[in-house]
Amino acid sequence: MNNENPPADHAFADDSEPGKPALEENLKSRATWTRLLFMLICYILVSIASLVGTFVVVLGFFWVLFTGEVNRQLRQVGQSLAGYIYEIVRYLTFNTDDRPFPLGGEWPSADAE
């Protein structure tokens, strides 16, 4: 990403016009309000992902309890879900402008273990 062609929801902190208050410019900025909309959607998505994660944790515990071994598929789902939640938190905390799945990015893989 560069300053010449930022994403639609990117806001620059230092790019105010001379003589125009930064607050007024930010309040009128479509990019700021678009970012808020995507942040609200991401908040809903991370809430849903947390519920799914809770289900995976409980199911994984009972799997180990009754079989004595870890379910590889559940572990991969948990890893992928953790990566997804990480991407959402990075977007919500302004550490990245890359929107997570399904708002622009792809679902993270479970390969990083």
PDB file of N, CA and C in Angstrom:
ATOM      1  N   MET A   1       0.851  -1.169   0.000  1.00  0.00           N
ATOM      2  CA  MET A   1       0.000   0.000   0.000  1.00  0.00           C
ATOM      3  C   MET A   1       0.897   1.233   0.000  1.00  0.00           C
ATOM      4  N   ASN A   2       0.507   2.246  -0.765  1.00  0.00           N
ATOM      5  CA  ASN A   2       1.255   3.490  -0.762  1.00  0.00           C
ATOM      6  C   ASN A   2       0.304   4.658  -0.557  1.00  0.00           C
ATOM      7  N   ASN A   3       0.863   5.835  -0.318  1.00  0.00           N
ATOM      8  CA  ASN A   3       0.043   7.020  -0.039  1.00  0.00           C
ATOM      9  C   ASN A   3      -0.685   7.527  -1.263  1.00  0.00           C
ATOM     10  N   GLU A   4      -0.211   7.169  -2.458  1.00  0.00           N
ATOM     11  CA  GLU A   4      -0.855   7.627  -3.681  1.00  0.00           C
ATOM     12  C   GLU A   4      -2.148   6.887  -3.964  1.00  0.00           C
ATOM     13  N   ASN A   5      -2.250   5.638  -3.531  1.00  0.00           N
ATOM     14  CA  ASN A   5      -3.418   4.825  -3.828  1.00  0.00           C
ATOM     15  C   ASN A   5      -3.831   4.031  -2.589  1.00  0.00           C
ATOM     16  N   PRO A   6      -4.284   4.715  -1.511  1.00  0.00           N
ATOM     17  CA  PRO A   6      -4.665   3.999  -0.281  1.00  0.00           C
ATOM     18  C   PRO A   6      -6.007   3.307  -0.459  1.00  0.00           C
ATOM     19  N   PRO A   7      -6.316   2.305   0.379  1.00  0.00           N
ATOM     20  CA  PRO A   7      -7.633   1.690   0.332  1.00  0.00           C
ATOM     21  C   PRO A   7      -8.714   2.701   0.697  1.00  0.00           C
ATOM     22  N   ALA A   8      -9.951   2.396   0.324  1.00  0.00           N
ATOM     23  CA  ALA A   8     -11.056   3.341   0.511  1.00  0.00           C
ATOM     24  C   ALA A   8     -11.289   3.704   1.967  1.00  0.00           C
ATOM     25  N   ASP A   9     -10.941   2.826   2.901  1.00  0.00           N
ATOM     26  CA  ASP A   9     -11.217   3.108   4.308  1.00  0.00           C
ATOM     27  C   ASP A   9      -9.974   3.566   5.071  1.00  0.00           C
ATOM     28  N   HIS A  10      -8.952   4.003   4.364  1.00  0.00           N
ATOM     29  CA  HIS A  10      -7.717   4.445   4.999  1.00  0.00           C
ATOM     30  C   HIS A  10      -7.806   5.932   5.339  1.00  0.00           C
ATOM     31  N   ALA A  11      -7.406   6.288   6.538  1.00  0.00           N
ATOM     32  CA  ALA A  11      -7.403   7.691   6.963  1.00  0.00           C
ATOM     33  C   ALA A  11      -5.985   8.090   7.327  1.00  0.00           C
ATOM     34  N   PHE A  12      -5.546   9.231   6.821  1.00  0.00           N
ATOM     35  CA  PHE A  12      -4.226   9.737   7.137  1.00  0.00           C
ATOM     36  C   PHE A  12      -4.330  10.713   8.295  1.00  0.00           C
ATOM     37  N   ALA A  13      -3.441  10.616   9.250  1.00  0.00           N
ATOM     38  CA  ALA A  13      -3.475  11.493  10.420  1.00  0.00           C
ATOM     39  C   ALA A  13      -2.908  12.874  10.122  1.00  0.00           C
ATOM     40  N   ASP A  14      -1.950  12.981   9.186  1.00  0.00           N
ATOM     41  CA  ASP A  14      -1.235  14.232   8.970  1.00  0.00           C
ATOM     42  C   ASP A  14      -1.634  14.969   7.696  1.00  0.00           C
ATOM     43  N   ASP A  15      -2.647  14.522   6.989  1.00  0.00           N
ATOM     44  CA  ASP A  15      -2.945  15.060   5.668  1.00  0.00           C
ATOM     45  C   ASP A  15      -4.041  16.113   5.654  1.00  0.00           C
ATOM     46  N   SER A  16      -4.133  16.953   6.658  1.00  0.00           N
ATOM     47  CA  SER A  16      -5.163  17.979   6.662  1.00  0.00           C
ATOM     48  C   SER A  16      -4.734  19.139   5.771  1.00  0.00           C
ATOM     49  N   GLU A  17      -5.719  19.789   5.164  1.00  0.00           N
ATOM     50  CA  GLU A  17      -5.457  20.956   4.331  1.00  0.00           C
ATOM     51  C   GLU A  17      -5.039  22.111   5.234  1.00  0.00           C
ATOM     52  N   PRO A  18      -4.165  22.986   4.747  1.00  0.00           N
ATOM     53  CA  PRO A  18      -3.763  24.140   5.565  1.00  0.00           C
ATOM     54  C   PRO A  18      -4.965  25.039   5.857  1.00  0.00           C
ATOM     55  N   GLY A  19      -5.099  25.431   7.093  1.00  0.00           N
ATOM     56  CA  GLY A  19      -6.187  26.309   7.479  1.00  0.00           C
ATOM     57  C   GLY A  19      -7.481  25.599   7.793  1.00  0.00           C
ATOM     58  N   LYS A  20      -7.563  24.317   7.560  1.00  0.00           N
ATOM     59  CA  LYS A  20      -8.787  23.562   7.831  1.00  0.00           C
ATOM     60  C   LYS A  20      -8.532  22.658   9.033  1.00  0.00           C
ATOM     61  N   PRO A  21      -9.345  22.745  10.074  1.00  0.00           N
ATOM     62  CA  PRO A  21      -9.123  21.919  11.266  1.00  0.00           C
ATOM     63  C   PRO A  21      -9.194  20.423  10.933  1.00  0.00           C
ATOM     64  N   ALA A  22      -8.274  19.652  11.509  1.00  0.00           N
ATOM     65  CA  ALA A  22      -8.217  18.216  11.252  1.00  0.00           C
ATOM     66  C   ALA A  22      -9.489  17.519  11.724  1.00  0.00           C
ATOM     67  N   LEU A  23     -10.056  17.957  12.840  1.00  0.00           N
ATOM     68  CA  LEU A  23     -11.268  17.322  13.352  1.00  0.00           C
ATOM     69  C   LEU A  23     -12.412  17.469  12.363  1.00  0.00           C
ATOM     70  N   GLU A  24     -12.589  18.666  11.842  1.00  0.00           N
ATOM     71  CA  GLU A  24     -13.670  18.894  10.871  1.00  0.00           C
ATOM     72  C   GLU A  24     -13.471  18.038   9.625  1.00  0.00           C
ATOM     73  N   GLU A  25     -12.234  17.963   9.178  1.00  0.00           N
ATOM     74  CA  GLU A  25     -11.927  17.154   7.992  1.00  0.00           C
ATOM     75  C   GLU A  25     -12.193  15.672   8.259  1.00  0.00           C
ATOM     76  N   ASN A  26     -11.790  15.198   9.425  1.00  0.00           N
ATOM     77  CA  ASN A  26     -12.017  13.791   9.768  1.00  0.00           C
ATOM     78  C   ASN A  26     -13.499  13.472   9.926  1.00  0.00           C
ATOM     79  N   LEU A  27     -14.266  14.408  10.492  1.00  0.00           N
ATOM     80  CA  LEU A  27     -15.699  14.191  10.654  1.00  0.00           C
ATOM     81  C   LEU A  27     -16.419  14.110   9.313  1.00  0.00           C
ATOM     82  N   LYS A  28     -15.924  14.827   8.327  1.00  0.00           N
ATOM     83  CA  LYS A  28     -16.542  14.826   7.002  1.00  0.00           C
ATOM     84  C   LYS A  28     -15.963  13.770   6.075  1.00  0.00           C
ATOM     85  N   SER A  29     -14.940  13.081   6.519  1.00  0.00           N
ATOM     86  CA  SER A  29     -14.253  12.100   5.676  1.00  0.00           C
ATOM     87  C   SER A  29     -15.097  10.835   5.497  1.00  0.00           C
ATOM     88  N   ARG A  30     -15.360  10.515   4.266  1.00  0.00           N
ATOM     89  CA  ARG A  30     -16.094   9.287   3.970  1.00  0.00           C
ATOM     90  C   ARG A  30     -15.295   8.059   4.390  1.00  0.00           C
ATOM     91  N   ALA A  31     -13.974   8.137   4.257  1.00  0.00           N
ATOM     92  CA  ALA A  31     -13.112   7.016   4.633  1.00  0.00           C
ATOM     93  C   ALA A  31     -13.232   6.692   6.121  1.00  0.00           C
ATOM     94  N   THR A  32     -13.359   7.717   6.952  1.00  0.00           N
ATOM     95  CA  THR A  32     -13.487   7.502   8.393  1.00  0.00           C
ATOM     96  C   THR A  32     -14.776   6.760   8.714  1.00  0.00           C
ATOM     97  N   TRP A  33     -15.876   7.181   8.114  1.00  0.00           N
ATOM     98  CA  TRP A  33     -17.169   6.549   8.378  1.00  0.00           C
ATOM     99  C   TRP A  33     -17.253   5.160   7.754  1.00  0.00           C
ATOM    100  N   THR A  34     -16.598   4.964   6.619  1.00  0.00           N
ATOM    101  CA  THR A  34     -16.544   3.632   6.015  1.00  0.00           C
ATOM    102  C   THR A  34     -15.772   2.684   6.923  1.00  0.00           C
ATOM    103  N   ARG A  35     -14.675   3.186   7.479  1.00  0.00           N
ATOM    104  CA  ARG A  35     -13.884   2.370   8.407  1.00  0.00           C
ATOM    105  C   ARG A  35     -14.729   1.975   9.618  1.00  0.00           C
ATOM    106  N   LEU A  36     -15.523   2.912  10.152  1.00  0.00           N
ATOM    107  CA  LEU A  36     -16.392   2.608  11.286  1.00  0.00           C
ATOM    108  C   LEU A  36     -17.378   1.494  10.929  1.00  0.00           C
ATOM    109  N   LEU A  37     -17.977   1.563   9.753  1.00  0.00           N
ATOM    110  CA  LEU A  37     -18.906   0.519   9.319  1.00  0.00           C
ATOM    111  C   LEU A  37     -18.220  -0.843   9.277  1.00  0.00           C
ATOM    112  N   PHE A  38     -17.030  -0.891   8.675  1.00  0.00           N
ATOM    113  CA  PHE A  38     -16.296  -2.159   8.612  1.00  0.00           C
ATOM    114  C   PHE A  38     -15.873  -2.630  10.003  1.00  0.00           C
ATOM    115  N   MET A  39     -15.561  -1.696  10.887  1.00  0.00           N
ATOM    116  CA  MET A  39     -15.187  -2.074  12.254  1.00  0.00           C
ATOM    117  C   MET A  39     -16.377  -2.684  13.002  1.00  0.00           C
ATOM    118  N   LEU A  40     -17.568  -2.139  12.801  1.00  0.00           N
ATOM    119  CA  LEU A  40     -18.763  -2.709  13.437  1.00  0.00           C
ATOM    120  C   LEU A  40     -19.046  -4.114  12.909  1.00  0.00           C
ATOM    121  N   ILE A  41     -18.899  -4.296  11.605  1.00  0.00           N
ATOM    122  CA  ILE A  41     -19.089  -5.624  11.015  1.00  0.00           C
ATOM    123  C   ILE A  41     -18.049  -6.595  11.572  1.00  0.00           C
ATOM    124  N   CYS A  42     -16.805  -6.137  11.680  1.00  0.00           N
ATOM    125  CA  CYS A  42     -15.740  -6.993  12.226  1.00  0.00           C
ATOM    126  C   CYS A  42     -16.004  -7.357  13.675  1.00  0.00           C
ATOM    127  N   TYR A  43     -16.559  -6.439  14.443  1.00  0.00           N
ATOM    128  CA  TYR A  43     -16.890  -6.731  15.831  1.00  0.00           C
ATOM    129  C   TYR A  43     -17.923  -7.854  15.909  1.00  0.00           C
ATOM    130  N   ILE A  44     -18.916  -7.806  15.041  1.00  0.00           N
ATOM    131  CA  ILE A  44     -19.922  -8.873  14.993  1.00  0.00           C
ATOM    132  C   ILE A  44     -19.270 -10.191  14.583  1.00  0.00           C
ATOM    133  N   LEU A  45     -18.381 -10.141  13.591  1.00  0.00           N
ATOM    134  CA  LEU A  45     -17.705 -11.353  13.126  1.00  0.00           C
ATOM    135  C   LEU A  45     -16.821 -11.966  14.205  1.00  0.00           C
ATOM    136  N   VAL A  46     -16.104 -11.132  14.968  1.00  0.00           N
ATOM    137  CA  VAL A  46     -15.238 -11.669  16.019  1.00  0.00           C
ATOM    138  C   VAL A  46     -16.078 -12.258  17.151  1.00  0.00           C
ATOM    139  N   SER A  47     -17.263 -11.712  17.389  1.00  0.00           N
ATOM    140  CA  SER A  47     -18.161 -12.282  18.400  1.00  0.00           C
ATOM    141  C   SER A  47     -18.636 -13.671  17.974  1.00  0.00           C
ATOM    142  N   ILE A  48     -18.999 -13.801  16.714  1.00  0.00           N
ATOM    143  CA  ILE A  48     -19.427 -15.105  16.187  1.00  0.00           C
ATOM    144  C   ILE A  48     -18.265 -16.092  16.212  1.00  0.00           C
ATOM    145  N   ALA A  49     -17.084 -15.628  15.805  1.00  0.00           N
ATOM    146  CA  ALA A  49     -15.904 -16.496  15.803  1.00  0.00           C
ATOM    147  C   ALA A  49     -15.561 -16.961  17.218  1.00  0.00           C
ATOM    148  N   SER A  50     -15.778 -16.115  18.202  1.00  0.00           N
ATOM    149  CA  SER A  50     -15.520 -16.509  19.593  1.00  0.00           C
ATOM    150  C   SER A  50     -16.486 -17.594  20.055  1.00  0.00           C
ATOM    151  N   LEU A  51     -17.737 -17.488  19.635  1.00  0.00           N
ATOM    152  CA  LEU A  51     -18.709 -18.542  19.970  1.00  0.00           C
ATOM    153  C   LEU A  51     -18.325 -19.870  19.319  1.00  0.00           C
ATOM    154  N   VAL A  52     -17.932 -19.810  18.052  1.00  0.00           N
ATOM    155  CA  VAL A  52     -17.491 -21.021  17.358  1.00  0.00           C
ATOM    156  C   VAL A  52     -16.243 -21.581  18.037  1.00  0.00           C
ATOM    157  N   GLY A  53     -15.327 -20.698  18.428  1.00  0.00           N
ATOM    158  CA  GLY A  53     -14.118 -21.136  19.124  1.00  0.00           C
ATOM    159  C   GLY A  53     -14.429 -21.825  20.437  1.00  0.00           C
ATOM    160  N   THR A  54     -15.402 -21.316  21.162  1.00  0.00           N
ATOM    161  CA  THR A  54     -15.815 -21.952  22.414  1.00  0.00           C
ATOM    162  C   THR A  54     -16.335 -23.363  22.144  1.00  0.00           C
ATOM    163  N   PHE A  55     -17.128 -23.505  21.109  1.00  0.00           N
ATOM    164  CA  PHE A  55     -17.650 -24.820  20.735  1.00  0.00           C
ATOM    165  C   PHE A  55     -16.513 -25.781  20.380  1.00  0.00           C
ATOM    166  N   VAL A  56     -15.521 -25.292  19.623  1.00  0.00           N
ATOM    167  CA  VAL A  56     -14.376 -26.130  19.241  1.00  0.00           C
ATOM    168  C   VAL A  56     -13.584 -26.548  20.476  1.00  0.00           C
ATOM    169  N   VAL A  57     -13.395 -25.637  21.423  1.00  0.00           N
ATOM    170  CA  VAL A  57     -12.653 -25.947  22.656  1.00  0.00           C
ATOM    171  C   VAL A  57     -13.372 -27.027  23.457  1.00  0.00           C
ATOM    172  N   VAL A  58     -14.673 -26.859  23.656  1.00  0.00           N
ATOM    173  CA  VAL A  58     -15.447 -27.834  24.449  1.00  0.00           C
ATOM    174  C   VAL A  58     -15.470 -29.184  23.747  1.00  0.00           C
ATOM    175  N   LEU A  59     -15.708 -29.167  22.432  1.00  0.00           N
ATOM    176  CA  LEU A  59     -15.725 -30.418  21.677  1.00  0.00           C
ATOM    177  C   LEU A  59     -14.362 -31.107  21.729  1.00  0.00           C
ATOM    178  N   GLY A  60     -13.289 -30.314  21.602  1.00  0.00           N
ATOM    179  CA  GLY A  60     -11.939 -30.880  21.681  1.00  0.00           C
ATOM    180  C   GLY A  60     -11.646 -31.482  23.038  1.00  0.00           C
ATOM    181  N   PHE A  61     -12.112 -30.835  24.099  1.00  0.00           N
ATOM    182  CA  PHE A  61     -11.905 -31.375  25.438  1.00  0.00           C
ATOM    183  C   PHE A  61     -12.605 -32.721  25.600  1.00  0.00           C
ATOM    184  N   PHE A  62     -13.879 -32.777  25.181  1.00  0.00           N
ATOM    185  CA  PHE A  62     -14.608 -34.040  25.320  1.00  0.00           C
ATOM    186  C   PHE A  62     -14.034 -35.125  24.418  1.00  0.00           C
ATOM    187  N   TRP A  63     -13.484 -34.741  23.274  1.00  0.00           N
ATOM    188  CA  TRP A  63     -12.846 -35.717  22.397  1.00  0.00           C
ATOM    189  C   TRP A  63     -11.656 -36.365  23.111  1.00  0.00           C
ATOM    190  N   VAL A  64     -10.823 -35.520  23.732  1.00  0.00           N
ATOM    191  CA  VAL A  64      -9.662 -36.041  24.474  1.00  0.00           C
ATOM    192  C   VAL A  64     -10.122 -36.851  25.680  1.00  0.00           C
ATOM    193  N   LEU A  65     -11.167 -36.401  26.352  1.00  0.00           N
ATOM    194  CA  LEU A  65     -11.674 -37.087  27.531  1.00  0.00           C
ATOM    195  C   LEU A  65     -12.131 -38.511  27.194  1.00  0.00           C
ATOM    196  N   PHE A  66     -12.856 -38.669  26.087  1.00  0.00           N
ATOM    197  CA  PHE A  66     -13.420 -39.973  25.745  1.00  0.00           C
ATOM    198  C   PHE A  66     -12.516 -40.851  24.894  1.00  0.00           C
ATOM    199  N   THR A  67     -11.609 -40.265  24.099  1.00  0.00           N
ATOM    200  CA  THR A  67     -10.755 -41.088  23.236  1.00  0.00           C
ATOM    201  C   THR A  67      -9.310 -41.146  23.706  1.00  0.00           C
ATOM    202  N   GLY A  68      -8.884 -40.153  24.488  1.00  0.00           N
ATOM    203  CA  GLY A  68      -7.505 -40.127  24.956  1.00  0.00           C
ATOM    204  C   GLY A  68      -6.525 -39.551  23.959  1.00  0.00           C
ATOM    205  N   GLU A  69      -6.997 -39.044  22.833  1.00  0.00           N
ATOM    206  CA  GLU A  69      -6.102 -38.447  21.837  1.00  0.00           C
ATOM    207  C   GLU A  69      -6.703 -37.161  21.271  1.00  0.00           C
ATOM    208  N   VAL A  70      -5.836 -36.316  20.754  1.00  0.00           N
ATOM    209  CA  VAL A  70      -6.249 -35.026  20.195  1.00  0.00           C
ATOM    210  C   VAL A  70      -6.801 -35.234  18.788  1.00  0.00           C
ATOM    211  N   ASN A  71      -7.902 -34.574  18.486  1.00  0.00           N
ATOM    212  CA  ASN A  71      -8.490 -34.634  17.154  1.00  0.00           C
ATOM    213  C   ASN A  71      -7.765 -33.630  16.265  1.00  0.00           C
ATOM    214  N   ARG A  72      -7.110 -34.141  15.230  1.00  0.00           N
ATOM    215  CA  ARG A  72      -6.295 -33.302  14.355  1.00  0.00           C
ATOM    216  C   ARG A  72      -7.129 -32.261  13.606  1.00  0.00           C
ATOM    217  N   GLN A  73      -8.318 -32.644  13.158  1.00  0.00           N
ATOM    218  CA  GLN A  73      -9.180 -31.717  12.423  1.00  0.00           C
ATOM    219  C   GLN A  73      -9.653 -30.570  13.320  1.00  0.00           C
ATOM    220  N   LEU A  74     -10.018 -30.885  14.554  1.00  0.00           N
ATOM    221  CA  LEU A  74     -10.431 -29.835  15.488  1.00  0.00           C
ATOM    222  C   LEU A  74      -9.276 -28.890  15.796  1.00  0.00           C
ATOM    223  N   ARG A  75      -8.084 -29.439  15.915  1.00  0.00           N
ATOM    224  CA  ARG A  75      -6.914 -28.615  16.173  1.00  0.00           C
ATOM    225  C   ARG A  75      -6.646 -27.663  15.007  1.00  0.00           C
ATOM    226  N   GLN A  76      -6.823 -28.145  13.773  1.00  0.00           N
ATOM    227  CA  GLN A  76      -6.635 -27.291  12.596  1.00  0.00           C
ATOM    228  C   GLN A  76      -7.704 -26.208  12.514  1.00  0.00           C
ATOM    229  N   VAL A  77      -8.946 -26.572  12.845  1.00  0.00           N
ATOM    230  CA  VAL A  77     -10.021 -25.572  12.860  1.00  0.00           C
ATOM    231  C   VAL A  77      -9.715 -24.512  13.907  1.00  0.00           C
ATOM    232  N   GLY A  78      -9.251 -24.929  15.068  1.00  0.00           N
ATOM    233  CA  GLY A  78      -8.902 -23.983  16.123  1.00  0.00           C
ATOM    234  C   GLY A  78      -7.766 -23.062  15.705  1.00  0.00           C
ATOM    235  N   GLN A  79      -6.754 -23.601  15.038  1.00  0.00           N
ATOM    236  CA  GLN A  79      -5.625 -22.790  14.565  1.00  0.00           C
ATOM    237  C   GLN A  79      -6.085 -21.763  13.534  1.00  0.00           C
ATOM    238  N   SER A  80      -6.911 -22.195  12.606  1.00  0.00           N
ATOM    239  CA  SER A  80      -7.433 -21.307  11.576  1.00  0.00           C
ATOM    240  C   SER A  80      -8.313 -20.216  12.183  1.00  0.00           C
ATOM    241  N   LEU A  81      -9.145 -20.594  13.131  1.00  0.00           N
ATOM    242  CA  LEU A  81     -10.023 -19.639  13.811  1.00  0.00           C
ATOM    243  C   LEU A  81      -9.212 -18.623  14.614  1.00  0.00           C
ATOM    244  N   ALA A  82      -8.152 -19.085  15.259  1.00  0.00           N
ATOM    245  CA  ALA A  82      -7.278 -18.170  16.005  1.00  0.00           C
ATOM    246  C   ALA A  82      -6.623 -17.159  15.070  1.00  0.00           C
ATOM    247  N   GLY A  83      -6.192 -17.615  13.891  1.00  0.00           N
ATOM    248  CA  GLY A  83      -5.611 -16.705  12.899  1.00  0.00           C
ATOM    249  C   GLY A  83      -6.613 -15.680  12.419  1.00  0.00           C
ATOM    250  N   TYR A  84      -7.856 -16.111  12.241  1.00  0.00           N
ATOM    251  CA  TYR A  84      -8.923 -15.207  11.799  1.00  0.00           C
ATOM    252  C   TYR A  84      -9.211 -14.141  12.855  1.00  0.00           C
ATOM    253  N   ILE A  85      -9.315 -14.543  14.103  1.00  0.00           N
ATOM    254  CA  ILE A  85      -9.557 -13.587  15.190  1.00  0.00           C
ATOM    255  C   ILE A  85      -8.384 -12.617  15.292  1.00  0.00           C
ATOM    256  N   TYR A  86      -7.174 -13.113  15.117  1.00  0.00           N
ATOM    257  CA  TYR A  86      -5.982 -12.255  15.139  1.00  0.00           C
ATOM    258  C   TYR A  86      -6.053 -11.195  14.042  1.00  0.00           C
ATOM    259  N   GLU A  87      -6.452 -11.590  12.827  1.00  0.00           N
ATOM    260  CA  GLU A  87      -6.567 -10.637  11.717  1.00  0.00           C
ATOM    261  C   GLU A  87      -7.622  -9.571  12.013  1.00  0.00           C
ATOM    262  N   ILE A  88      -8.736  -9.980  12.602  1.00  0.00           N
ATOM    263  CA  ILE A  88      -9.795  -9.021  12.934  1.00  0.00           C
ATOM    264  C   ILE A  88      -9.307  -8.029  13.995  1.00  0.00           C
ATOM    265  N   VAL A  89      -8.640  -8.527  15.023  1.00  0.00           N
ATOM    266  CA  VAL A  89      -8.150  -7.643  16.089  1.00  0.00           C
ATOM    267  C   VAL A  89      -7.117  -6.666  15.530  1.00  0.00           C
ATOM    268  N   ARG A  90      -6.262  -7.118  14.629  1.00  0.00           N
ATOM    269  CA  ARG A  90      -5.293  -6.208  13.997  1.00  0.00           C
ATOM    270  C   ARG A  90      -6.010  -5.097  13.238  1.00  0.00           C
ATOM    271  N   TYR A  91      -7.091  -5.431  12.534  1.00  0.00           N
ATOM    272  CA  TYR A  91      -7.847  -4.418  11.795  1.00  0.00           C
ATOM    273  C   TYR A  91      -8.556  -3.461  12.760  1.00  0.00           C
ATOM    274  N   LEU A  92      -9.165  -4.009  13.799  1.00  0.00           N
ATOM    275  CA  LEU A  92      -9.905  -3.168  14.747  1.00  0.00           C
ATOM    276  C   LEU A  92      -8.999  -2.208  15.509  1.00  0.00           C
ATOM    277  N   THR A  93      -7.758  -2.588  15.729  1.00  0.00           N
ATOM    278  CA  THR A  93      -6.827  -1.749  16.490  1.00  0.00           C
ATOM    279  C   THR A  93      -5.935  -0.891  15.585  1.00  0.00           C
ATOM    280  N   PHE A  94      -6.282  -0.772  14.311  1.00  0.00           N
ATOM    281  CA  PHE A  94      -5.573   0.061  13.342  1.00  0.00           C
ATOM    282  C   PHE A  94      -4.135  -0.383  13.118  1.00  0.00           C
ATOM    283  N   ASN A  95      -3.826  -1.653  13.338  1.00  0.00           N
ATOM    284  CA  ASN A  95      -2.492  -2.164  13.044  1.00  0.00           C
ATOM    285  C   ASN A  95      -2.348  -2.565  11.593  1.00  0.00           C
ATOM    286  N   THR A  96      -3.458  -2.643  10.877  1.00  0.00           N
ATOM    287  CA  THR A  96      -3.451  -2.927   9.447  1.00  0.00           C
ATOM    288  C   THR A  96      -4.691  -2.311   8.815  1.00  0.00           C
ATOM    289  N   ASP A  97      -4.579  -2.044   7.526  1.00  0.00           N
ATOM    290  CA  ASP A  97      -5.730  -1.571   6.767  1.00  0.00           C
ATOM    291  C   ASP A  97      -6.314  -2.695   5.921  1.00  0.00           C
ATOM    292  N   ASP A  98      -5.713  -3.873   5.986  1.00  0.00           N
ATOM    293  CA  ASP A  98      -6.212  -5.027   5.235  1.00  0.00           C
ATOM    294  C   ASP A  98      -7.434  -5.585   5.944  1.00  0.00           C
ATOM    295  N   ARG A  99      -8.566  -5.562   5.245  1.00  0.00           N
ATOM    296  CA  ARG A  99      -9.799  -6.061   5.836  1.00  0.00           C
ATOM    297  C   ARG A  99      -9.805  -7.588   5.846  1.00  0.00           C
ATOM    298  N   PRO A 100     -10.268  -8.190   6.937  1.00  0.00           N
ATOM    299  CA  PRO A 100     -10.306  -9.652   7.034  1.00  0.00           C
ATOM    300  C   PRO A 100     -11.460 -10.246   6.225  1.00  0.00           C
ATOM    301  N   PHE A 101     -11.444 -11.559   6.102  1.00  0.00           N
ATOM    302  CA  PHE A 101     -12.515 -12.299   5.442  1.00  0.00           C
ATOM    303  C   PHE A 101     -13.826 -12.005   6.154  1.00  0.00           C
ATOM    304  N   PRO A 102     -14.915 -11.821   5.515  1.00  0.00           N
ATOM    305  CA  PRO A 102     -15.236 -11.810   4.086  1.00  0.00           C
ATOM    306  C   PRO A 102     -15.258 -10.401   3.507  1.00  0.00           C
ATOM    307  N   LEU A 103     -14.601  -9.456   4.154  1.00  0.00           N
ATOM    308  CA  LEU A 103     -14.643  -8.053   3.739  1.00  0.00           C
ATOM    309  C   LEU A 103     -13.514  -7.671   2.798  1.00  0.00           C
ATOM    310  N   GLY A 104     -12.712  -8.601   2.377  1.00  0.00           N
ATOM    311  CA  GLY A 104     -11.629  -8.283   1.453  1.00  0.00           C
ATOM    312  C   GLY A 104     -10.504  -9.295   1.471  1.00  0.00           C
ATOM    313  N   GLY A 105     -10.229  -9.873   2.624  1.00  0.00           N
ATOM    314  CA  GLY A 105      -9.132 -10.825   2.724  1.00  0.00           C
ATOM    315  C   GLY A 105      -9.610 -12.260   2.539  1.00  0.00           C
ATOM    316  N   GLU A 106      -8.682 -13.184   2.664  1.00  0.00           N
ATOM    317  CA  GLU A 106      -9.004 -14.603   2.551  1.00  0.00           C
ATOM    318  C   GLU A 106      -8.962 -15.240   3.931  1.00  0.00           C
ATOM    319  N   TRP A 107      -9.625 -16.363   4.071  1.00  0.00           N
ATOM    320  CA  TRP A 107      -9.625 -17.093   5.332  1.00  0.00           C
ATOM    321  C   TRP A 107      -8.214 -17.589   5.618  1.00  0.00           C
ATOM    322  N   PRO A 108      -7.713 -17.398   6.818  1.00  0.00           N
ATOM    323  CA  PRO A 108      -6.340 -17.839   7.136  1.00  0.00           C
ATOM    324  C   PRO A 108      -6.241 -19.362   7.144  1.00  0.00           C
ATOM    325  N   SER A 109      -5.070 -19.839   6.747  1.00  0.00           N
ATOM    326  CA  SER A 109      -4.864 -21.288   6.729  1.00  0.00           C
ATOM    327  C   SER A 109      -4.465 -21.765   8.110  1.00  0.00           C
ATOM    328  N   ALA A 110      -4.565 -23.064   8.311  1.00  0.00           N
ATOM    329  CA  ALA A 110      -4.220 -23.670   9.594  1.00  0.00           C
ATOM    330  C   ALA A 110      -2.790 -24.197   9.584  1.00  0.00           C
ATOM    331  N   ASP A 111      -1.998 -23.804   8.588  1.00  0.00           N
ATOM    332  CA  ASP A 111      -0.644 -24.340   8.435  1.00  0.00           C
ATOM    333  C   ASP A 111       0.309 -23.848   9.509  1.00  0.00           C
ATOM    334  N   ALA A 112       0.176 -22.609   9.953  1.00  0.00           N
ATOM    335  CA  ALA A 112       1.109 -22.053  10.955  1.00  0.00           C
ATOM    336  C   ALA A 112       0.827 -22.642  12.317  1.00  0.00           C
ATOM    337  N   GLU A 113       1.658 -23.572  12.727  1.00  0.00           N
ATOM    338  CA  GLU A 113       1.472 -24.209  14.040  1.00  0.00           C
ATOM    339  C   GLU A 113       2.680 -24.010  14.907  1.00  0.00           C
TER     340      GLU A 113
END
